Protein backbone atom coordinates (compact mmCIF):
# COMPACT_ATOMS: atom_id res chain seq x y z
CA MET A 1 4.45 -10.86 -32.27
CA SER A 2 2.33 -8.23 -33.99
CA ILE A 3 2.78 -5.83 -31.07
CA VAL A 4 6.57 -6.16 -31.38
CA ILE A 5 6.43 -5.32 -35.10
CA PHE A 6 4.11 -2.39 -34.38
CA LEU A 7 6.47 -1.00 -31.71
CA CYS A 8 9.47 -1.40 -34.03
CA ILE A 9 7.65 0.58 -36.72
CA LEU A 10 6.84 3.33 -34.21
CA LEU A 11 10.47 3.50 -33.06
CA ALA A 12 11.70 3.64 -36.66
CA LEU A 13 9.29 6.48 -37.48
CA TRP A 14 10.29 8.30 -34.28
CA GLN A 15 14.01 8.01 -35.04
CA GLY A 16 13.40 9.04 -38.65
CA PHE A 17 11.54 12.12 -37.50
CA TYR A 18 14.49 13.02 -35.26
CA TRP A 19 17.05 12.59 -38.03
CA VAL A 20 15.05 14.67 -40.52
CA PHE A 21 13.78 17.54 -38.38
CA VAL A 22 16.62 17.77 -35.84
CA ASP A 23 19.82 16.55 -37.51
CA LEU A 24 19.18 17.45 -41.16
CA MET A 25 16.74 20.36 -41.29
CA GLU A 26 17.47 21.66 -37.75
CA VAL A 27 13.86 22.65 -37.26
CA PHE A 28 14.05 21.65 -33.58
CA LYS A 29 16.89 21.89 -31.08
CA PRO A 30 18.43 18.56 -29.95
CA TYR A 31 17.69 19.35 -26.29
CA SER A 32 13.96 19.80 -27.01
CA VAL A 33 13.22 16.55 -28.86
CA PRO A 34 14.03 13.06 -27.50
CA SER A 35 15.20 10.27 -29.77
CA PRO A 36 15.00 6.48 -29.35
CA LEU A 37 18.80 6.20 -29.44
CA GLY A 38 19.19 8.98 -26.86
CA VAL A 39 16.57 7.42 -24.59
CA GLY A 40 18.30 4.05 -24.97
CA GLU A 41 21.65 5.56 -23.95
CA ARG A 42 20.12 7.16 -20.86
CA PHE A 43 18.43 3.85 -20.02
CA VAL A 44 21.78 2.03 -20.06
CA GLU A 45 23.46 4.78 -18.00
CA LEU A 46 20.76 5.00 -15.33
CA LEU A 47 20.40 1.24 -15.21
CA SER A 48 24.13 0.64 -14.80
CA ASP A 49 24.51 3.06 -11.89
CA GLY A 50 21.38 1.75 -10.17
CA THR A 51 19.47 5.02 -10.30
CA LEU A 52 16.61 3.71 -12.44
CA LEU A 53 16.09 0.54 -10.42
CA GLN A 54 16.13 2.43 -7.13
CA ALA A 55 13.71 5.06 -8.40
CA THR A 56 11.34 2.46 -9.83
CA GLY A 57 11.47 0.34 -6.68
CA ASN A 58 10.80 3.30 -4.39
CA SER A 59 7.90 4.47 -6.54
CA LEU A 60 6.37 1.00 -6.63
CA LEU A 61 6.59 0.63 -2.85
CA ARG A 62 4.98 4.02 -2.28
CA GLY A 63 2.35 3.39 -4.93
CA ILE A 64 1.37 0.00 -3.53
CA ALA A 65 1.32 1.26 0.07
CA GLY A 66 -0.80 4.29 -0.81
CA TYR A 67 -3.09 2.20 -3.00
CA LEU A 68 -3.75 -0.36 -0.26
CA ILE A 69 -4.66 2.42 2.16
CA ALA A 70 -6.91 3.97 -0.48
CA VAL A 71 -8.61 0.60 -1.06
CA LEU A 72 -9.38 0.17 2.65
CA LEU A 73 -10.66 3.74 2.92
CA GLY A 74 -12.59 3.53 -0.34
CA LEU A 75 -14.26 0.24 0.60
CA ALA A 76 -15.33 1.61 3.97
CA VAL A 77 -16.71 4.87 2.54
CA GLY A 78 -18.38 3.08 -0.38
CA LEU A 79 -20.16 0.63 1.92
CA LEU A 80 -21.31 3.43 4.21
CA ILE A 81 -22.64 5.46 1.29
CA ASN A 82 -24.50 2.46 -0.05
CA HIS A 83 -25.92 1.46 3.33
CA PHE A 84 -27.13 4.83 4.59
CA LYS A 85 -29.55 6.83 2.45
CA TYR A 86 -28.57 10.06 4.17
CA LEU A 87 -24.95 9.64 3.09
CA GLN A 88 -26.09 8.54 -0.37
CA LYS A 89 -28.02 11.74 -0.77
CA ASN A 90 -25.58 14.20 0.81
CA LEU A 91 -22.07 12.74 0.86
CA LYS A 92 -21.92 11.03 -2.55
CA PRO A 93 -22.40 14.25 -4.59
CA LEU A 94 -19.58 15.82 -2.57
CA ILE A 95 -17.30 12.85 -3.23
CA LEU A 96 -18.13 12.98 -6.93
CA GLY A 97 -17.11 16.63 -6.95
CA ILE A 98 -13.88 16.03 -5.02
CA GLN A 99 -13.02 13.16 -7.35
CA THR A 100 -12.72 15.61 -10.25
CA LEU A 101 -9.89 17.46 -8.53
CA PRO A 102 -6.47 16.81 -10.10
CA SER A 103 -4.17 15.01 -7.67
CA VAL A 104 -1.70 17.89 -7.77
CA CYS A 105 -4.26 20.01 -5.88
CA TRP A 106 -3.55 17.93 -2.77
CA VAL A 107 0.20 18.54 -2.93
CA PRO A 108 0.17 21.90 -1.06
CA PHE A 109 -1.84 20.34 1.78
CA SER A 110 0.46 17.33 1.95
CA ILE A 111 3.60 19.48 2.12
CA LEU A 112 2.13 21.79 4.77
CA TRP A 113 0.89 18.89 6.90
CA PHE A 114 3.66 16.34 6.42
CA GLY A 115 6.59 18.28 4.97
CA LEU A 116 8.77 16.88 2.20
CA SER A 117 8.39 13.30 3.36
CA THR A 118 7.12 9.92 2.26
CA GLN A 119 3.96 10.53 4.28
CA ALA A 120 3.24 13.55 2.08
CA ILE A 121 3.48 11.41 -1.05
CA LEU A 122 1.25 8.71 0.44
CA PHE A 123 -1.33 11.32 1.35
CA VAL A 124 -1.52 12.50 -2.26
CA VAL A 125 -1.84 8.91 -3.48
CA VAL A 126 -4.63 8.10 -1.03
CA MET A 127 -6.56 11.27 -1.81
CA GLY A 128 -6.13 10.67 -5.52
CA ALA A 129 -7.53 7.12 -5.47
CA ALA A 130 -9.80 6.61 -2.44
CA PHE A 131 -12.75 8.63 -3.73
CA SER A 132 -12.75 6.84 -7.07
CA ILE A 133 -12.75 3.47 -5.30
CA ALA A 134 -15.57 4.55 -2.98
CA ILE A 135 -17.77 5.51 -5.94
CA SER A 136 -16.90 2.24 -7.68
CA VAL A 137 -17.87 0.21 -4.61
CA ASP A 138 -21.21 1.97 -4.32
CA ASN A 139 -21.98 1.57 -8.04
CA ALA A 140 -20.93 -2.10 -8.05
CA ILE A 141 -23.30 -2.92 -5.19
CA LYS A 142 -26.12 -0.92 -6.80
CA ASN A 143 -25.78 -2.88 -10.04
CA VAL A 144 -26.39 -6.23 -8.34
CA GLN A 145 -29.56 -7.81 -9.74
CA PRO A 146 -32.43 -7.04 -7.29
CA ILE A 147 -33.79 -10.56 -7.79
CA TYR A 148 -30.70 -11.99 -6.08
CA ILE A 149 -31.27 -9.86 -3.00
CA LYS A 150 -35.01 -10.58 -2.90
CA ALA A 151 -34.39 -14.30 -3.18
CA ALA A 152 -31.83 -14.23 -0.37
CA LEU A 153 -34.12 -12.21 1.89
CA THR A 154 -36.99 -14.58 1.14
CA MET A 155 -34.79 -17.47 2.26
CA GLY A 156 -34.14 -15.70 5.56
CA ALA A 157 -30.63 -14.31 4.94
CA GLY A 158 -29.44 -11.69 7.40
CA LYS A 159 -27.49 -8.55 6.55
CA ARG A 160 -24.10 -10.20 7.04
CA GLN A 161 -25.08 -13.27 5.04
CA LEU A 162 -26.58 -11.07 2.34
CA TYR A 163 -23.34 -9.14 1.82
CA ARG A 164 -21.07 -12.16 2.20
CA HIS A 165 -22.89 -14.73 0.08
CA VAL A 166 -24.93 -12.65 -2.38
CA ILE A 167 -23.92 -9.01 -2.86
CA PHE A 168 -20.15 -9.37 -2.70
CA PRO A 169 -19.89 -12.35 -5.11
CA ALA A 170 -22.36 -10.72 -7.53
CA CYS A 171 -20.58 -7.36 -7.66
CA LEU A 172 -17.03 -8.77 -7.67
CA PRO A 173 -16.31 -8.40 -11.43
CA GLU A 174 -17.41 -4.77 -11.48
CA LEU A 175 -15.61 -4.17 -8.19
CA VAL A 176 -12.34 -5.45 -9.66
CA THR A 177 -12.79 -3.06 -12.58
CA GLY A 178 -13.23 -0.21 -10.09
CA LEU A 179 -10.13 -1.28 -8.17
CA LYS A 180 -8.16 -1.31 -11.43
CA GLN A 181 -9.32 2.21 -12.16
CA GLY A 182 -8.36 3.16 -8.62
CA TRP A 183 -4.83 1.88 -9.24
CA SER A 184 -4.51 4.07 -12.34
CA PHE A 185 -5.57 7.09 -10.26
CA ALA A 186 -3.14 6.09 -7.50
CA TRP A 187 -0.22 5.69 -9.93
CA ARG A 188 -0.86 9.08 -11.50
CA ALA A 189 -1.28 10.70 -8.09
CA LEU A 190 2.03 9.17 -7.02
CA MET A 191 3.85 10.95 -9.84
CA ALA A 192 2.17 14.22 -8.88
CA GLY A 193 3.37 13.76 -5.32
CA GLU A 194 6.91 12.73 -6.22
CA VAL A 195 7.60 15.61 -8.59
CA MET A 196 6.95 18.04 -5.74
CA THR A 197 9.33 16.39 -3.27
CA THR A 198 12.99 15.47 -3.05
CA SER A 199 12.43 11.77 -2.32
CA ILE A 200 14.10 9.44 -4.81
CA GLY A 201 11.52 8.05 -7.21
CA LEU A 202 10.42 8.17 -10.82
CA GLY A 203 8.78 11.56 -10.38
CA GLN A 204 11.90 13.07 -8.84
CA THR A 205 14.06 11.50 -11.57
CA LEU A 206 11.82 13.06 -14.20
CA ILE A 207 12.12 16.51 -12.62
CA LEU A 208 15.90 16.07 -12.38
CA GLY A 209 15.99 15.43 -16.11
CA ARG A 210 14.00 18.60 -16.67
CA ASP A 211 16.35 20.64 -14.47
CA LEU A 212 19.35 19.28 -16.40
CA ALA A 213 17.61 19.98 -19.74
CA ASP A 214 17.97 16.24 -20.49
CA ILE A 215 14.88 15.55 -22.56
CA ASN A 216 15.96 11.94 -23.11
CA GLN A 217 15.87 11.26 -19.36
CA VAL A 218 12.46 12.88 -19.11
CA MET A 219 11.18 10.68 -21.93
CA LEU A 220 12.79 7.58 -20.43
CA VAL A 221 11.02 8.11 -17.11
CA MET A 222 7.71 8.64 -18.91
CA VAL A 223 8.20 5.35 -20.77
CA VAL A 224 9.04 3.53 -17.52
CA ILE A 225 5.91 4.94 -15.86
CA VAL A 226 3.76 3.70 -18.74
CA VAL A 227 5.45 0.28 -18.83
CA VAL A 228 5.03 -0.24 -15.07
CA GLY A 229 1.35 0.67 -15.36
CA ILE A 230 0.85 -1.80 -18.22
CA VAL A 231 2.70 -4.59 -16.40
CA ILE A 232 0.63 -4.12 -13.23
CA ASP A 233 -2.56 -4.18 -15.27
CA LYS A 234 -1.64 -7.25 -17.34
CA CYS A 235 -0.04 -9.30 -14.56
CA ILE A 236 -2.50 -8.57 -11.76
CA PHE A 237 -5.84 -7.00 -12.67
CA SER A 238 -6.31 -8.62 -16.09
CA VAL A 239 -5.44 -12.03 -14.63
CA ILE A 240 -7.98 -11.61 -11.82
CA GLU A 241 -10.64 -10.40 -14.27
CA LYS A 242 -10.02 -13.37 -16.57
CA LYS A 243 -10.26 -15.87 -13.71
CA LEU A 244 -13.55 -14.36 -12.56
CA LEU A 245 -14.99 -14.46 -16.09
CA VAL A 246 -13.80 -18.03 -16.65
CA LYS A 247 -15.31 -19.12 -13.34
CA ARG A 248 -18.65 -17.64 -14.36
CA GLY A 249 -18.51 -19.00 -17.91
CA LEU A 250 -18.29 -15.53 -19.46
CA TRP A 251 -14.80 -15.80 -20.96
CA VAL A 252 -14.75 -16.32 -24.73
CA GLN A 253 -11.77 -18.37 -25.96
CA GLY A 254 -9.33 -16.20 -27.92
CA HIS A 255 -10.75 -13.01 -26.41
């Protein structure tokens, strides 16, 4: 309930700012400052004609598809880096450097290689998230208590048993955190890919609002992007994290 009150206060302050500085004092031009009422009107319009639902659905499908590919690639690379000291020494620093690249840097490559297509968008998503996931996998495995591994080896566990019954269960909470971070990178990379293409999605809808000088549409799309990110986090990753903590007796009631 408190979050609802807080959001209502923010909306009231936002609308008040618009009335004072745009309508009354005319400090800013109406086309340069969004207002809650204007954003609400655009929401109703885009929702009624199906544009918003189609854009959100397309973006979600692309984001999930690209993220799943990035997870598979990141898991494979992370395991290889952790297993082979040569790759740990030489490849990991390179991945850490590439990870700092903004996702938009991959857009020219994606357009040249795949054209203005869905494959181009997926490429940007994968490149934006896979390296982060790979680093997270490596770090999660490294942070497993050495005593667990020593005990398993003492009891005669092989490599496969070690990973399946010891390392993977021990690093799972931190791994989920890394996967959640990877999703945030993937979602941001998706927007970078969509704004550069003509495929219908949230990114393309945002750019259309910019081209039409419709600041309310631009703001609406930004709000939808944030809301979708929050919903995915709360309904999927936070639930998984809570279940893992409860299972291990680490969840504090009322946390």
